[in-house]
Protein backbone atom coordinates (compact mmCIF):
# COMPACT_ATOMS: atom_id res chain seq x y z
CA UNK A 1 27.17 12.09 67.08
CA UNK A 2 30.55 10.47 66.44
CA UNK A 3 33.45 12.93 66.67
CA UNK A 4 36.65 12.86 64.61
CA UNK A 5 38.61 11.89 67.71
CA UNK A 6 36.30 8.93 68.37
CA UNK A 7 36.46 7.81 64.76
CA UNK A 8 40.26 7.87 64.68
CA UNK A 9 40.54 5.93 67.94
CA UNK A 10 37.96 3.30 66.96
CA UNK A 11 39.54 2.90 63.51
CA UNK A 12 42.94 2.28 65.02
CA UNK A 13 41.48 -0.27 67.45
CA UNK A 14 39.91 -2.21 64.55
CA UNK A 15 43.13 -2.11 62.54
CA UNK A 16 45.18 -3.42 65.45
CA UNK A 17 42.63 -6.02 66.56
CA UNK A 18 42.24 -7.66 63.15
CA UNK A 19 45.79 -7.02 61.84
CA UNK A 20 44.61 -4.88 58.91
CA UNK A 21 47.52 -2.47 58.80
CA UNK A 22 48.66 -3.71 55.37
CA UNK A 23 45.19 -4.35 53.95
CA UNK A 24 44.85 -2.46 50.66
CA UNK A 25 41.09 -1.91 50.90
CA UNK A 26 41.24 -0.54 54.45
CA UNK A 27 44.15 1.70 53.50
CA UNK A 28 42.26 3.18 50.54
CA UNK A 29 39.12 3.64 52.63
CA UNK A 30 41.04 5.47 55.33
CA UNK A 31 42.71 7.78 52.81
CA UNK A 32 39.29 9.04 51.64
CA UNK A 33 37.59 8.92 55.06
CA UNK A 34 36.53 12.57 54.74
CA UNK A 35 34.27 11.50 51.87
CA UNK A 36 32.26 8.87 53.75
CA UNK A 37 32.83 9.02 57.52
CA UNK A 38 30.02 10.92 59.25
CA UNK A 39 32.44 12.27 61.84
CA UNK A 40 33.97 14.49 59.15
CA UNK A 41 30.56 15.91 58.17
CA UNK A 42 29.67 17.46 61.52
CA UNK A 43 29.33 20.96 60.11
CA UNK A 44 27.15 19.85 57.19
CA UNK A 45 23.38 19.62 57.65
CA UNK A 46 22.10 16.21 56.52
CA UNK A 47 18.93 15.82 58.65
CA UNK A 48 20.17 12.35 59.65
CA UNK A 49 20.04 11.25 56.01
CA UNK A 50 22.92 9.53 54.23
CA UNK A 51 23.99 10.59 50.75
CA UNK A 52 22.08 7.86 48.87
CA UNK A 53 19.06 7.48 51.15
CA UNK A 54 16.96 10.17 49.46
CA UNK A 55 17.49 8.88 45.92
CA UNK A 56 16.88 5.28 47.03
CA UNK A 57 13.64 6.30 48.72
CA UNK A 58 12.42 8.10 45.59
CA UNK A 59 13.33 5.14 43.38
CA UNK A 60 11.49 2.76 45.71
CA UNK A 61 8.32 4.86 45.65
CA UNK A 62 8.40 5.18 41.86
CA UNK A 63 8.77 1.41 41.40
CA UNK A 64 5.64 0.80 43.49
CA UNK A 65 3.46 2.94 41.22
CA UNK A 66 5.21 2.89 37.85
CA UNK A 67 6.35 0.05 35.59
CA UNK A 68 9.09 0.71 33.05
CA UNK A 69 6.85 -0.48 30.19
CA UNK A 70 4.12 2.09 30.90
CA UNK A 71 3.04 4.50 28.17
CA UNK A 72 3.35 8.25 28.68
CA UNK A 73 -0.35 8.55 29.55
CA UNK A 74 -0.14 5.69 32.05
CA UNK A 75 3.01 7.19 33.54
CA UNK A 76 1.34 10.57 34.07
CA UNK A 77 -1.74 8.91 35.60
CA UNK A 78 0.29 6.78 38.02
CA UNK A 79 2.63 9.65 38.87
CA UNK A 80 -0.40 11.80 39.68
CA UNK A 81 -1.69 9.02 41.93
CA UNK A 82 1.72 8.86 43.64
CA UNK A 83 1.67 12.60 44.35
CA UNK A 84 -1.91 12.45 45.63
CA UNK A 85 -1.11 9.53 47.95
CA UNK A 86 1.97 11.27 49.32
CA UNK A 87 0.00 14.46 49.92
CA UNK A 88 -2.69 12.44 51.71
CA UNK A 89 -0.05 10.86 53.96
CA UNK A 90 1.44 14.28 54.60
CA UNK A 91 -1.96 15.71 55.50
CA UNK A 92 -2.65 12.78 57.83
CA UNK A 93 0.71 13.23 59.54
CA UNK A 94 0.01 16.94 60.00
CA UNK A 95 -3.43 16.17 61.43
CA UNK A 96 -1.95 13.67 63.89
CA UNK A 97 0.72 16.18 64.82
CA UNK A 98 -1.95 18.71 65.80
CA UNK A 99 -4.28 16.30 67.59
CA UNK A 100 -1.87 13.90 69.26
CA UNK A 101 -1.02 14.64 72.89
CA UNK A 102 2.59 14.09 73.90
CA UNK A 103 3.40 12.45 77.23
CA UNK A 104 6.44 13.96 78.92
CA UNK A 105 8.89 11.83 80.87
CA UNK A 106 10.37 14.33 83.32
CA UNK A 107 8.11 17.37 83.34
CA UNK A 108 10.84 19.95 82.72
CA UNK A 109 9.66 23.29 81.35
CA UNK A 110 12.23 22.82 78.59
CA UNK A 111 10.66 19.47 77.77
CA UNK A 112 7.19 21.03 77.68
CA UNK A 113 8.40 23.73 75.29
CA UNK A 114 9.86 21.06 72.99
CA UNK A 115 6.55 19.15 73.01
CA UNK A 116 4.75 22.31 71.90
CA UNK A 117 7.03 23.34 69.04
CA UNK A 118 8.26 20.01 67.64
CA UNK A 119 6.36 17.44 65.60
CA UNK A 120 5.84 14.09 67.42
CA UNK A 121 8.59 12.40 65.43
CA UNK A 122 11.18 15.10 66.10
CA UNK A 123 10.09 15.36 69.71
CA UNK A 124 10.82 11.64 70.17
CA UNK A 125 14.38 12.30 68.96
CA UNK A 126 14.66 15.28 71.30
CA UNK A 127 13.41 13.07 74.12
CA UNK A 128 16.17 10.55 73.41
CA UNK A 129 18.74 13.32 73.83
CA UNK A 130 16.96 14.49 76.98
CA UNK A 131 17.28 11.03 78.52
CA UNK A 132 20.97 10.91 77.58
CA UNK A 133 21.51 14.30 79.24
CA UNK A 134 20.83 12.75 82.65
CA UNK A 135 24.11 10.84 82.29
CA UNK A 136 26.22 14.02 82.25
CA UNK A 137 27.49 16.29 85.00
CA UNK A 138 28.89 19.80 84.77
CA UNK A 139 32.60 20.29 85.40
CA UNK A 140 34.13 23.51 86.78
CA UNK A 141 35.25 25.98 84.11
CA UNK A 142 37.36 29.12 84.36
CA UNK A 143 35.70 30.76 81.34
CA UNK A 144 32.29 32.41 81.56
CA UNK A 145 31.07 31.42 78.10
CA UNK A 146 32.41 27.88 78.04
CA UNK A 147 31.05 24.78 79.76
CA UNK A 148 32.37 21.23 80.03
CA UNK A 149 30.28 18.16 80.78
CA UNK A 150 31.43 14.64 81.59
CA UNK A 151 29.68 11.28 81.41
CA UNK A 152 28.99 9.84 84.86
CA UNK A 153 29.98 6.33 83.72
CA UNK A 154 33.21 7.36 82.04
CA UNK A 155 35.20 4.40 83.38
CA UNK A 156 32.79 1.78 82.03
CA UNK A 157 32.58 3.19 78.50
CA UNK A 158 34.61 1.88 75.56
CA UNK A 159 38.15 3.18 75.34
CA UNK A 160 37.45 4.98 72.07
CA UNK A 161 34.33 6.74 73.38
CA UNK A 162 34.59 10.42 74.25
CA UNK A 163 33.49 11.18 77.82
CA UNK A 164 34.01 14.95 78.01
CA UNK A 165 32.46 17.59 75.77
CA UNK A 166 33.03 21.34 75.62
CA UNK A 167 30.14 23.69 74.89
CA UNK A 168 30.79 27.31 73.93
CA UNK A 169 28.05 29.90 74.28
CA UNK A 170 27.39 33.09 72.36
CA UNK A 171 25.40 35.02 74.95
CA UNK A 172 24.40 37.71 72.43
CA UNK A 173 22.14 35.36 70.49
CA UNK A 174 21.92 32.45 72.92
CA UNK A 175 23.70 30.02 70.60
CA UNK A 176 25.29 26.91 72.13
CA UNK A 177 28.04 25.23 70.10
CA UNK A 178 28.93 21.70 71.22
CA UNK A 179 31.94 19.93 69.80
CA UNK A 180 29.87 16.81 69.11
CA UNK A 181 28.25 18.70 66.20
CA UNK A 182 24.82 17.06 66.45
CA UNK A 183 22.84 20.28 66.05
CA UNK A 184 24.78 21.39 62.97
CA UNK A 185 24.34 17.93 61.44
CA UNK A 186 20.73 17.24 62.36
CA UNK A 187 19.05 20.36 63.72
CA UNK A 188 18.12 19.11 67.20
CA UNK A 189 20.20 20.11 70.22
CA UNK A 190 22.37 17.37 71.71
CA UNK A 191 22.25 15.89 75.20
CA UNK A 192 25.26 17.98 76.25
CA UNK A 193 23.55 21.27 75.36
CA UNK A 194 20.32 20.11 76.98
CA UNK A 195 22.22 19.42 80.18
CA UNK A 196 23.62 22.95 80.21
CA UNK A 197 20.19 24.47 79.51
CA UNK A 198 18.67 22.54 82.41
CA UNK A 199 21.47 23.50 84.78
CA UNK A 200 21.10 27.17 83.82
CA UNK A 201 17.36 26.95 84.44
CA UNK A 202 16.19 27.80 80.92
CA UNK A 203 12.52 27.04 80.32
CA UNK A 204 12.64 27.32 76.52
CA UNK A 205 14.91 26.19 73.73
CA UNK A 206 16.70 29.27 72.32
CA UNK A 207 15.09 30.52 69.09
CA UNK A 208 18.36 30.15 67.19
CA UNK A 209 18.25 26.40 67.93
CA UNK A 210 14.73 25.84 66.60
CA UNK A 211 14.78 24.81 62.95
CA UNK A 212 11.58 25.66 61.11
CA UNK A 213 11.61 22.35 59.23
CA UNK A 214 11.12 20.45 62.53
CA UNK A 215 8.48 22.88 63.83
CA UNK A 216 4.76 22.15 63.85
CA UNK A 217 4.35 25.46 62.02
CA UNK A 218 6.87 24.53 59.32
CA UNK A 219 4.17 24.77 56.65
CA UNK A 220 3.08 28.25 57.68
CA UNK A 221 2.92 30.35 54.54
CA UNK A 222 2.60 27.36 52.21
CA UNK A 223 -0.38 26.43 50.08
CA UNK A 224 -3.11 24.16 51.37
CA UNK A 225 -6.04 22.92 49.31
CA UNK A 226 -9.37 22.15 50.96
CA UNK A 227 -12.00 21.02 48.48
CA UNK A 228 -12.10 23.72 45.85
CA UNK A 229 -10.57 26.42 48.06
CA UNK A 230 -6.91 27.29 48.21
CA UNK A 231 -5.20 29.92 50.31
CA UNK A 232 -1.61 30.99 50.75
CA UNK A 233 0.70 33.69 51.97
CA UNK A 234 2.97 33.19 48.99
CA UNK A 235 1.67 34.23 45.57
CA UNK A 236 4.34 32.24 43.74
CA UNK A 237 3.26 29.03 45.50
CA UNK A 238 -0.41 29.83 44.83
CA UNK A 239 0.34 30.18 41.12
CA UNK A 240 2.09 26.81 41.15
CA UNK A 241 -0.87 25.10 42.83
CA UNK A 242 -3.38 26.60 40.39
CA UNK A 243 -1.25 25.38 37.50
CA UNK A 244 -1.12 21.91 39.06
CA UNK A 245 -4.89 21.74 39.58
CA UNK A 246 -5.64 22.72 35.98
CA UNK A 247 -2.98 20.37 34.62
CA UNK A 248 -4.38 17.35 36.46
CA UNK A 249 -7.93 18.18 35.33
CA UNK A 250 -6.82 18.32 31.70
CA UNK A 251 -4.85 15.06 32.00
CA UNK A 252 -7.86 13.34 33.57
CA UNK A 253 -10.04 14.54 30.69
CA UNK A 254 -7.60 13.33 28.04
CA UNK A 255 -7.28 9.90 29.70
CA UNK A 256 -11.03 9.25 29.71
CA UNK A 257 -12.16 6.19 27.78
CA UNK A 258 -14.45 6.32 24.78
CA UNK A 259 -13.14 9.50 23.20
CA UNK A 260 -14.29 9.50 19.57
CA UNK A 261 -14.46 12.23 16.94
CA UNK A 262 -17.63 13.74 18.44
CA UNK A 263 -16.37 13.91 22.04
CA UNK A 264 -13.03 15.21 20.78
CA UNK A 265 -14.79 17.99 18.88
CA UNK A 266 -16.84 18.88 21.98
CA UNK A 267 -13.73 19.06 24.12
CA UNK A 268 -11.86 21.11 21.54
CA UNK A 269 -14.71 23.62 21.13
CA UNK A 270 -14.90 24.06 24.90
CA UNK A 271 -11.14 24.53 25.09
CA UNK A 272 -11.37 27.24 22.43
CA UNK A 273 -14.27 28.91 24.27
CA UNK A 274 -12.33 28.76 27.52
CA UNK A 275 -9.26 30.24 25.85
CA UNK A 276 -11.35 33.08 24.37
CA UNK A 277 -12.90 33.89 27.77
CA UNK A 278 -9.47 33.95 29.42
CA UNK A 279 -8.16 36.38 26.80
CA UNK A 280 -11.20 38.63 27.26
CA UNK A 281 -10.76 38.50 31.05
CA UNK A 282 -7.10 39.52 30.81
CA UNK A 283 -7.96 42.36 28.44
CA UNK A 284 -10.69 43.64 30.76
CA UNK A 285 -8.29 43.60 33.72
CA UNK A 286 -5.62 45.42 31.71
CA UNK A 287 -8.10 48.10 30.59
CA UNK A 288 -9.41 48.58 34.13
CA UNK A 289 -5.89 48.99 35.51
CA UNK A 290 -4.98 51.54 32.83
CA UNK A 291 -8.15 53.60 33.43
CA UNK A 292 -7.67 53.49 37.18
CA UNK A 293 -4.04 54.56 36.85
CA UNK A 294 -4.98 57.61 34.78
CA UNK A 295 -7.77 58.89 37.04
CA UNK A 296 -6.94 61.90 39.22
CA UNK A 297 -6.97 61.21 42.95
């Protein structure tokens, strides 16, 4: 993660190297650097995503399935297909996450813990930081809750690159705060923190450094649909899924070919019958609740 200090040094090197001190564009860009330079967004969680990446990804997916000249019915049909395909990909990724075995490089207990809790994709990013951590050594520190690490190849690195990092620790909750800001920006601990954890002999990543969104159990409590069965720990999400299932069934019925006056009348009569049964069901539940509430215990 690029720090503010590294950004400022590298920017000045570019300006001096290419004689851009009086360039109007570079001057304007530097004046608003807090708006676009990642180094100034260390404390903001972006999950490694730039500001326009999400919208561009959504637009790209929509263009694959939907043409601007589509009718409303065609749009709904294709949009439904898009959602179904994305959910299928999501389910496949979750299946692979559960079944895929992860090969560890070093065999650290910390590494094993990461392989258990993280999805394969996030674990690969953690592994990159783990490899980087081997390039750092611990420097002596006079403070108990502060550590400093230094890159072992400091002399061979670019002049603008930072070679020393300070990590402060809150022992009460086990939180490690590195000045590189990678965890705050992405949600995976940096190589500097990993180095400290290994030196201190920790076998697990502290709970406060495990983001649920990167966990294999991130979907715990969410709705899953298997065939005609749905289950959830969240009633609000269950209601949303039931609404979605009914909505798609109705849309599929309306989009069927060959709907004439007779088939339309059949569908309408069944809708009315269904509506009547739903009203009767609600009334019966209301009456039962009222009677049960009034009975003496």
